[in-house]
């Protein structure tokens, strides 16, 4: 019970974020006018089914990042979660007022990777593409991760490089288009600016809640 009380703010922020994720499922269906943001560049990007493994590794990637930030600096974890929540809310508003549909290829191969892509297409409808939630959360988590572990540059570089690989995977498995990536970059920046306007940014060295990783 004492542990819950001590970390109740962190638990509340997590609960708000995961409840917000339910809205993603609700909006992942046609709502009014549905647009496509396809560009000629999207046609030139190859389809590589094997990248579906990287695409789905996004889930443990984010969870590991959140956990490590929480353990190292709970104050930074709060800022990370606020950043994610603000970005999520902006994205959901966009999904409702400017809904898009991702153009997906027809899967003809029957190898294990192609079958996994087919399964992904079945469980994740092609709406809510702009901005990409995969990209948005990867960018935000990697940025805050770097702030917490700036004394471990190799670790930060590895985490951020893998974040970039996940972003590329969204294009290679045709779960997103180029404009979805650019939209995520814009929303990540906008939500960060909004968060900064609501309170002072505190670095890892400055926070009193910092503690070394075991």
Foldseek 3Di string as FASTA:
>chain_A
DVVCVVCVLLVVLVVLLVVLVVLVVVLLDDAPDAAAPDDVVLVVQAADLVLVVLLVCLVVLLVVLLVVCCQFFVVLSSVLSQLLNQLSVVLSVCSNPHKYFFDADDQDDDDPSSVSLVVVCVVRPRISVAAPSSLLSLVSSLVSSCQRVVVPVVVSVVSNVSSVSNVSSCSNNRSHHPNNNVRSVVSSVVSVVVSCVVDPDDTNVRDPRGDDDD
